[in-house]
Every structure is written in structure tokens, then in C-alpha cells.
All heavy atoms as atom14 arrays in JSON, in Angstrom:
{
  "sequence": "FAVKYLHAALPDLTPNHLSLFSAIGVASASTL",
  "atom14_mask": [
    [1, 1, 1, 1, 1, 1, 1, 1, 1, 1, 1, 0, 0, 0],
    [1, 1, 1, 1, 1, 0, 0, 0, 0, 0, 0, 0, 0, 0],
    [1, 1, 1, 1, 1, 1, 1, 0, 0, 0, 0, 0, 0, 0],
    [1, 1, 1, 1, 1, 1, 1, 1, 1, 0, 0, 0, 0, 0],
    [1, 1, 1, 1, 1, 1, 1, 1, 1, 1, 1, 1, 0, 0],
    [1, 1, 1, 1, 1, 1, 1, 1, 0, 0, 0, 0, 0, 0],
    [1, 1, 1, 1, 1, 1, 1, 1, 1, 1, 0, 0, 0, 0],
    [1, 1, 1, 1, 1, 0, 0, 0, 0, 0, 0, 0, 0, 0],
    [1, 1, 1, 1, 1, 0, 0, 0, 0, 0, 0, 0, 0, 0],
    [1, 1, 1, 1, 1, 1, 1, 1, 0, 0, 0, 0, 0, 0],
    [1, 1, 1, 1, 1, 1, 1, 0, 0, 0, 0, 0, 0, 0],
    [1, 1, 1, 1, 1, 1, 1, 1, 0, 0, 0, 0, 0, 0],
    [1, 1, 1, 1, 1, 1, 1, 1, 0, 0, 0, 0, 0, 0],
    [1, 1, 1, 1, 1, 1, 1, 0, 0, 0, 0, 0, 0, 0],
    [1, 1, 1, 1, 1, 1, 1, 0, 0, 0, 0, 0, 0, 0],
    [1, 1, 1, 1, 1, 1, 1, 1, 0, 0, 0, 0, 0, 0],
    [1, 1, 1, 1, 1, 1, 1, 1, 1, 1, 0, 0, 0, 0],
    [1, 1, 1, 1, 1, 1, 1, 1, 0, 0, 0, 0, 0, 0],
    [1, 1, 1, 1, 1, 1, 0, 0, 0, 0, 0, 0, 0, 0],
    [1, 1, 1, 1, 1, 1, 1, 1, 0, 0, 0, 0, 0, 0],
    [1, 1, 1, 1, 1, 1, 1, 1, 1, 1, 1, 0, 0, 0],
    [1, 1, 1, 1, 1, 1, 0, 0, 0, 0, 0, 0, 0, 0],
    [1, 1, 1, 1, 1, 0, 0, 0, 0, 0, 0, 0, 0, 0],
    [1, 1, 1, 1, 1, 1, 1, 1, 0, 0, 0, 0, 0, 0],
    [1, 1, 1, 1, 0, 0, 0, 0, 0, 0, 0, 0, 0, 0],
    [1, 1, 1, 1, 1, 1, 1, 0, 0, 0, 0, 0, 0, 0],
    [1, 1, 1, 1, 1, 0, 0, 0, 0, 0, 0, 0, 0, 0],
    [1, 1, 1, 1, 1, 1, 0, 0, 0, 0, 0, 0, 0, 0],
    [1, 1, 1, 1, 1, 0, 0, 0, 0, 0, 0, 0, 0, 0],
    [1, 1, 1, 1, 1, 1, 0, 0, 0, 0, 0, 0, 0, 0],
    [1, 1, 1, 1, 1, 1, 1, 0, 0, 0, 0, 0, 0, 0],
    [1, 1, 1, 1, 1, 1, 1, 1, 0, 0, 0, 0, 0, 0]
  ],
  "atom14_positions": [
    [[0.84, -1.2, 0.0], [0.0, 0.01, 0.01], [0.88, 1.27, 0.01], [0.65, 2.2, -0.78], [-0.93, -0.01, 1.22], [-1.82, 1.17, 1.33], [-3.0, 1.24, 0.64], [-1.47, 2.27, 2.16], [-3.85, 2.38, 0.72], [-2.29, 3.39, 2.26], [-3.47, 3.41, 1.54], [0.0, 0.0, 0.0], [0.0, 0.0, 0.0], [0.0, 0.0, 0.0]],
    [[1.92, 1.26, 0.85], [2.79, 2.44, 0.95], [3.58, 2.6, -0.34], [3.74, 3.76, -0.84], [3.75, 2.28, 2.12], [0.0, 0.0, 0.0], [0.0, 0.0, 0.0], [0.0, 0.0, 0.0], [0.0, 0.0, 0.0], [0.0, 0.0, 0.0], [0.0, 0.0, 0.0], [0.0, 0.0, 0.0], [0.0, 0.0, 0.0], [0.0, 0.0, 0.0]],
    [[4.06, 1.49, -0.9], [4.87, 1.59, -2.13], [4.03, 2.06, -3.31], [4.5, 2.8, -4.18], [5.52, 0.2, -2.45], [6.1, 0.17, -3.86], [6.61, -0.08, -1.42], [0.0, 0.0, 0.0], [0.0, 0.0, 0.0], [0.0, 0.0, 0.0], [0.0, 0.0, 0.0], [0.0, 0.0, 0.0], [0.0, 0.0, 0.0], [0.0, 0.0, 0.0]],
    [[2.77, 1.66, -3.35], [1.88, 2.09, -4.41], [1.78, 3.61, -4.49], [1.92, 4.21, -5.6], [0.48, 1.5, -4.21], [-0.58, 1.99, -5.17], [-1.95, 1.42, -4.82], [-3.03, 2.03, -5.71], [-4.38, 1.48, -5.38], [0.0, 0.0, 0.0], [0.0, 0.0, 0.0], [0.0, 0.0, 0.0], [0.0, 0.0, 0.0], [0.0, 0.0, 0.0]],
    [[1.63, 4.24, -3.36], [1.48, 5.69, -3.34], [2.82, 6.38, -3.45], [2.93, 7.48, -4.03], [0.74, 6.13, -2.09], [-0.74, 5.8, -2.19], [-1.23, 4.66, -1.62], [-1.59, 6.7, -2.86], [-2.58, 4.34, -1.77], [-2.95, 6.37, -3.0], [-3.42, 5.2, -2.44], [-4.77, 4.87, -2.6], [0.0, 0.0, 0.0], [0.0, 0.0, 0.0]],
    [[3.89, 5.75, -2.97], [5.22, 6.32, -3.15], [5.6, 6.32, -4.63], [6.16, 7.29, -5.13], [6.23, 5.49, -2.32], [7.67, 5.97, -2.32], [7.79, 7.35, -1.65], [8.57, 4.97, -1.6], [0.0, 0.0, 0.0], [0.0, 0.0, 0.0], [0.0, 0.0, 0.0], [0.0, 0.0, 0.0], [0.0, 0.0, 0.0], [0.0, 0.0, 0.0]],
    [[5.29, 5.23, -5.32], [5.59, 5.12, -6.73], [4.75, 6.11, -7.54], [5.24, 6.71, -8.53], [5.33, 3.68, -7.18], [5.6, 3.46, -8.66], [6.71, 3.91, -9.28], [4.88, 2.8, -9.58], [6.69, 3.57, -10.56], [5.58, 2.91, -10.78], [0.0, 0.0, 0.0], [0.0, 0.0, 0.0], [0.0, 0.0, 0.0], [0.0, 0.0, 0.0]],
    [[3.51, 6.31, -7.14], [2.65, 7.25, -7.87], [3.18, 8.7, -7.68], [3.15, 9.49, -8.62], [1.23, 7.15, -7.33], [0.0, 0.0, 0.0], [0.0, 0.0, 0.0], [0.0, 0.0, 0.0], [0.0, 0.0, 0.0], [0.0, 0.0, 0.0], [0.0, 0.0, 0.0], [0.0, 0.0, 0.0], [0.0, 0.0, 0.0], [0.0, 0.0, 0.0]],
    [[3.7, 9.01, -6.5], [4.21, 10.36, -6.25], [5.56, 10.58, -6.86], [5.88, 11.7, -7.33], [4.25, 10.6, -4.77], [0.0, 0.0, 0.0], [0.0, 0.0, 0.0], [0.0, 0.0, 0.0], [0.0, 0.0, 0.0], [0.0, 0.0, 0.0], [0.0, 0.0, 0.0], [0.0, 0.0, 0.0], [0.0, 0.0, 0.0], [0.0, 0.0, 0.0]],
    [[6.39, 9.52, -6.89], [7.75, 9.62, -7.43], [7.98, 8.49, -8.44], [8.66, 7.51, -8.15], [8.76, 9.56, -6.28], [8.63, 10.6, -5.19], [9.5, 10.25, -3.98], [9.04, 11.98, -5.73], [0.0, 0.0, 0.0], [0.0, 0.0, 0.0], [0.0, 0.0, 0.0], [0.0, 0.0, 0.0], [0.0, 0.0, 0.0], [0.0, 0.0, 0.0]],
    [[7.46, 8.64, -9.66], [7.54, 7.52, -10.62], [8.95, 7.19, -11.08], [9.2, 6.08, -11.56], [6.7, 8.06, -11.81], [6.63, 9.54, -11.65], [6.69, 9.78, -10.17], [0.0, 0.0, 0.0], [0.0, 0.0, 0.0], [0.0, 0.0, 0.0], [0.0, 0.0, 0.0], [0.0, 0.0, 0.0], [0.0, 0.0, 0.0], [0.0, 0.0, 0.0]],
    [[9.9, 8.13, -10.92], [11.28, 7.84, -11.31], [12.11, 7.18, -10.25], [13.29, 6.88, -10.41], [11.97, 9.12, -11.77], [11.34, 9.72, -13.05], [10.89, 8.89, -13.89], [11.31, 10.94, -13.19], [0.0, 0.0, 0.0], [0.0, 0.0, 0.0], [0.0, 0.0, 0.0], [0.0, 0.0, 0.0], [0.0, 0.0, 0.0], [0.0, 0.0, 0.0]],
    [[11.53, 7.01, -9.07], [12.23, 6.42, -7.95], [12.48, 4.92, -8.21], [11.58, 4.21, -8.63], [11.43, 6.59, -6.66], [12.09, 6.23, -5.34], [13.17, 7.26, -5.03], [11.09, 6.18, -4.2], [0.0, 0.0, 0.0], [0.0, 0.0, 0.0], [0.0, 0.0, 0.0], [0.0, 0.0, 0.0], [0.0, 0.0, 0.0], [0.0, 0.0, 0.0]],
    [[13.68, 4.46, -7.93], [14.04, 3.08, -8.17], [14.4, 2.41, -6.84], [14.69, 3.08, -5.85], [15.25, 2.92, -9.11], [16.41, 3.42, -8.47], [15.01, 3.73, -10.42], [0.0, 0.0, 0.0], [0.0, 0.0, 0.0], [0.0, 0.0, 0.0], [0.0, 0.0, 0.0], [0.0, 0.0, 0.0], [0.0, 0.0, 0.0], [0.0, 0.0, 0.0]],
    [[14.42, 1.06, -6.79], [14.81, 0.37, -5.56], [16.23, 0.74, -5.11], [16.49, 0.83, -3.92], [14.74, -1.11, -5.97], [13.74, -1.15, -7.07], [13.94, 0.13, -7.82], [0.0, 0.0, 0.0], [0.0, 0.0, 0.0], [0.0, 0.0, 0.0], [0.0, 0.0, 0.0], [0.0, 0.0, 0.0], [0.0, 0.0, 0.0], [0.0, 0.0, 0.0]],
    [[17.15, 0.93, -6.07], [18.51, 1.3, -5.7], [18.55, 2.69, -5.02], [19.37, 2.92, -4.11], [19.45, 1.32, -6.91], [19.81, -0.08, -7.37], [19.55, -1.05, -6.65], [20.39, -0.2, -8.5], [0.0, 0.0, 0.0], [0.0, 0.0, 0.0], [0.0, 0.0, 0.0], [0.0, 0.0, 0.0], [0.0, 0.0, 0.0], [0.0, 0.0, 0.0]],
    [[17.66, 3.6, -5.43], [17.56, 4.87, -4.77], [17.2, 4.69, -3.28], [17.79, 5.3, -2.41], [16.5, 5.78, -5.44], [16.9, 6.28, -6.79], [15.98, 6.5, -7.81], [18.1, 6.58, -7.31], [16.62, 6.96, -8.86], [17.91, 6.99, -8.58], [0.0, 0.0, 0.0], [0.0, 0.0, 0.0], [0.0, 0.0, 0.0], [0.0, 0.0, 0.0]],
    [[16.19, 3.83, -3.04], [15.73, 3.6, -1.68], [16.89, 2.99, -0.83], [17.1, 3.39, 0.3], [14.55, 2.65, -1.67], [13.24, 3.23, -2.24], [12.14, 2.16, -2.18], [12.81, 4.46, -1.48], [0.0, 0.0, 0.0], [0.0, 0.0, 0.0], [0.0, 0.0, 0.0], [0.0, 0.0, 0.0], [0.0, 0.0, 0.0], [0.0, 0.0, 0.0]],
    [[17.6, 2.0, -1.43], [18.71, 1.37, -0.68], [19.76, 2.39, -0.36], [20.34, 2.4, 0.74], [19.26, 0.19, -1.49], [18.32, -0.8, -1.7], [0.0, 0.0, 0.0], [0.0, 0.0, 0.0], [0.0, 0.0, 0.0], [0.0, 0.0, 0.0], [0.0, 0.0, 0.0], [0.0, 0.0, 0.0], [0.0, 0.0, 0.0], [0.0, 0.0, 0.0]],
    [[20.08, 3.22, -1.35], [21.13, 4.24, -1.16], [20.7, 5.29, -0.14], [21.51, 5.64, 0.77], [21.43, 4.92, -2.49], [22.6, 5.95, -2.49], [23.9, 5.26, -2.08], [22.75, 6.6, -3.84], [0.0, 0.0, 0.0], [0.0, 0.0, 0.0], [0.0, 0.0, 0.0], [0.0, 0.0, 0.0], [0.0, 0.0, 0.0], [0.0, 0.0, 0.0]],
    [[19.47, 5.77, -0.24], [18.99, 6.75, 0.76], [19.0, 6.17, 2.15], [19.28, 6.86, 3.13], [17.58, 7.2, 0.36], [17.48, 8.01, -0.89], [16.32, 8.06, -1.62], [18.59, 8.67, -1.37], [16.23, 8.79, -2.79], [18.53, 9.39, -2.57], [17.34, 9.46, -3.28], [0.0, 0.0, 0.0], [0.0, 0.0, 0.0], [0.0, 0.0, 0.0]],
    [[18.66, 4.88, 2.25], [18.65, 4.2, 3.52], [20.05, 4.18, 4.14], [20.26, 4.56, 5.34], [18.11, 2.79, 3.42], [18.2, 2.1, 4.64], [0.0, 0.0, 0.0], [0.0, 0.0, 0.0], [0.0, 0.0, 0.0], [0.0, 0.0, 0.0], [0.0, 0.0, 0.0], [0.0, 0.0, 0.0], [0.0, 0.0, 0.0], [0.0, 0.0, 0.0]],
    [[21.02, 3.78, 3.37], [22.4, 3.72, 3.87], [22.92, 5.1, 4.26], [23.58, 5.3, 5.3], [23.33, 3.1, 2.79], [0.0, 0.0, 0.0], [0.0, 0.0, 0.0], [0.0, 0.0, 0.0], [0.0, 0.0, 0.0], [0.0, 0.0, 0.0], [0.0, 0.0, 0.0], [0.0, 0.0, 0.0], [0.0, 0.0, 0.0], [0.0, 0.0, 0.0]],
    [[22.63, 6.11, 3.41], [23.08, 7.49, 3.69], [22.4, 8.0, 4.98], [23.05, 8.64, 5.82], [22.78, 8.42, 2.53], [23.67, 8.08, 1.32], [22.99, 9.91, 2.9], [23.3, 8.82, 0.07], [0.0, 0.0, 0.0], [0.0, 0.0, 0.0], [0.0, 0.0, 0.0], [0.0, 0.0, 0.0], [0.0, 0.0, 0.0], [0.0, 0.0, 0.0]],
    [[21.14, 7.72, 5.14], [20.39, 8.15, 6.31], [20.96, 7.55, 7.6], [21.17, 8.25, 8.59], [0.0, 0.0, 0.0], [0.0, 0.0, 0.0], [0.0, 0.0, 0.0], [0.0, 0.0, 0.0], [0.0, 0.0, 0.0], [0.0, 0.0, 0.0], [0.0, 0.0, 0.0], [0.0, 0.0, 0.0], [0.0, 0.0, 0.0], [0.0, 0.0, 0.0]],
    [[21.19, 6.23, 7.58], [21.74, 5.55, 8.76], [23.13, 6.04, 9.07], [23.49, 6.32, 10.23], [21.74, 4.03, 8.55], [22.47, 3.34, 9.7], [20.3, 3.51, 8.45], [0.0, 0.0, 0.0], [0.0, 0.0, 0.0], [0.0, 0.0, 0.0], [0.0, 0.0, 0.0], [0.0, 0.0, 0.0], [0.0, 0.0, 0.0], [0.0, 0.0, 0.0]],
    [[23.97, 6.2, 8.03], [25.33, 6.67, 8.23], [25.36, 8.12, 8.79], [26.17, 8.44, 9.67], [26.14, 6.62, 6.94], [0.0, 0.0, 0.0], [0.0, 0.0, 0.0], [0.0, 0.0, 0.0], [0.0, 0.0, 0.0], [0.0, 0.0, 0.0], [0.0, 0.0, 0.0], [0.0, 0.0, 0.0], [0.0, 0.0, 0.0], [0.0, 0.0, 0.0]],
    [[24.46, 8.94, 8.27], [24.38, 10.33, 8.74], [23.93, 10.4, 10.2], [24.5, 11.13, 11.01], [23.42, 11.14, 7.87], [23.86, 11.19, 6.5], [0.0, 0.0, 0.0], [0.0, 0.0, 0.0], [0.0, 0.0, 0.0], [0.0, 0.0, 0.0], [0.0, 0.0, 0.0], [0.0, 0.0, 0.0], [0.0, 0.0, 0.0], [0.0, 0.0, 0.0]],
    [[22.92, 9.62, 10.52], [22.44, 9.58, 11.92], [23.55, 9.1, 12.85], [23.73, 9.62, 13.95], [21.21, 8.69, 12.02], [0.0, 0.0, 0.0], [0.0, 0.0, 0.0], [0.0, 0.0, 0.0], [0.0, 0.0, 0.0], [0.0, 0.0, 0.0], [0.0, 0.0, 0.0], [0.0, 0.0, 0.0], [0.0, 0.0, 0.0], [0.0, 0.0, 0.0]],
    [[24.26, 8.06, 12.42], [25.35, 7.5, 13.25], [26.45, 8.53, 13.46], [27.0, 8.63, 14.58], [25.95, 6.26, 12.55], [24.92, 5.27, 12.34], [0.0, 0.0, 0.0], [0.0, 0.0, 0.0], [0.0, 0.0, 0.0], [0.0, 0.0, 0.0], [0.0, 0.0, 0.0], [0.0, 0.0, 0.0], [0.0, 0.0, 0.0], [0.0, 0.0, 0.0]],
    [[26.77, 9.32, 12.42], [27.81, 10.35, 12.56], [27.35, 11.47, 13.51], [28.11, 11.94, 14.36], [28.16, 10.94, 11.18], [28.59, 9.9, 10.32], [29.24, 11.98, 11.29], [0.0, 0.0, 0.0], [0.0, 0.0, 0.0], [0.0, 0.0, 0.0], [0.0, 0.0, 0.0], [0.0, 0.0, 0.0], [0.0, 0.0, 0.0], [0.0, 0.0, 0.0]],
    [[26.09, 11.93, 13.36], [25.59, 13.0, 14.19], [25.63, 12.61, 15.68], [25.9, 13.46, 16.55], [24.15, 13.33, 13.79], [23.97, 14.02, 12.45], [22.5, 14.13, 12.1], [24.62, 15.43, 12.51], [0.0, 0.0, 0.0], [0.0, 0.0, 0.0], [0.0, 0.0, 0.0], [0.0, 0.0, 0.0], [0.0, 0.0, 0.0], [0.0, 0.0, 0.0]]
  ]
}
């Protein structure tokens, strides 16, 4: 359900984008 609306809002978003954003977010939080 969440992915359906995420894909509709951001049709160019790919799974690799999500994986990359996840890693960057965790690394940034860890550094802070």
C-alpha cells in the first residue's frame, strides 16, 4: 500500500535509490 502511493508520487524512484537513501540516512544519523 505504501509503495503504491510512493511510486505514484515519485515515478522515477528506483529500488537502488531507496537502498542508497537508507544507507546514507543511517550513516548520517550515526555520525551525528
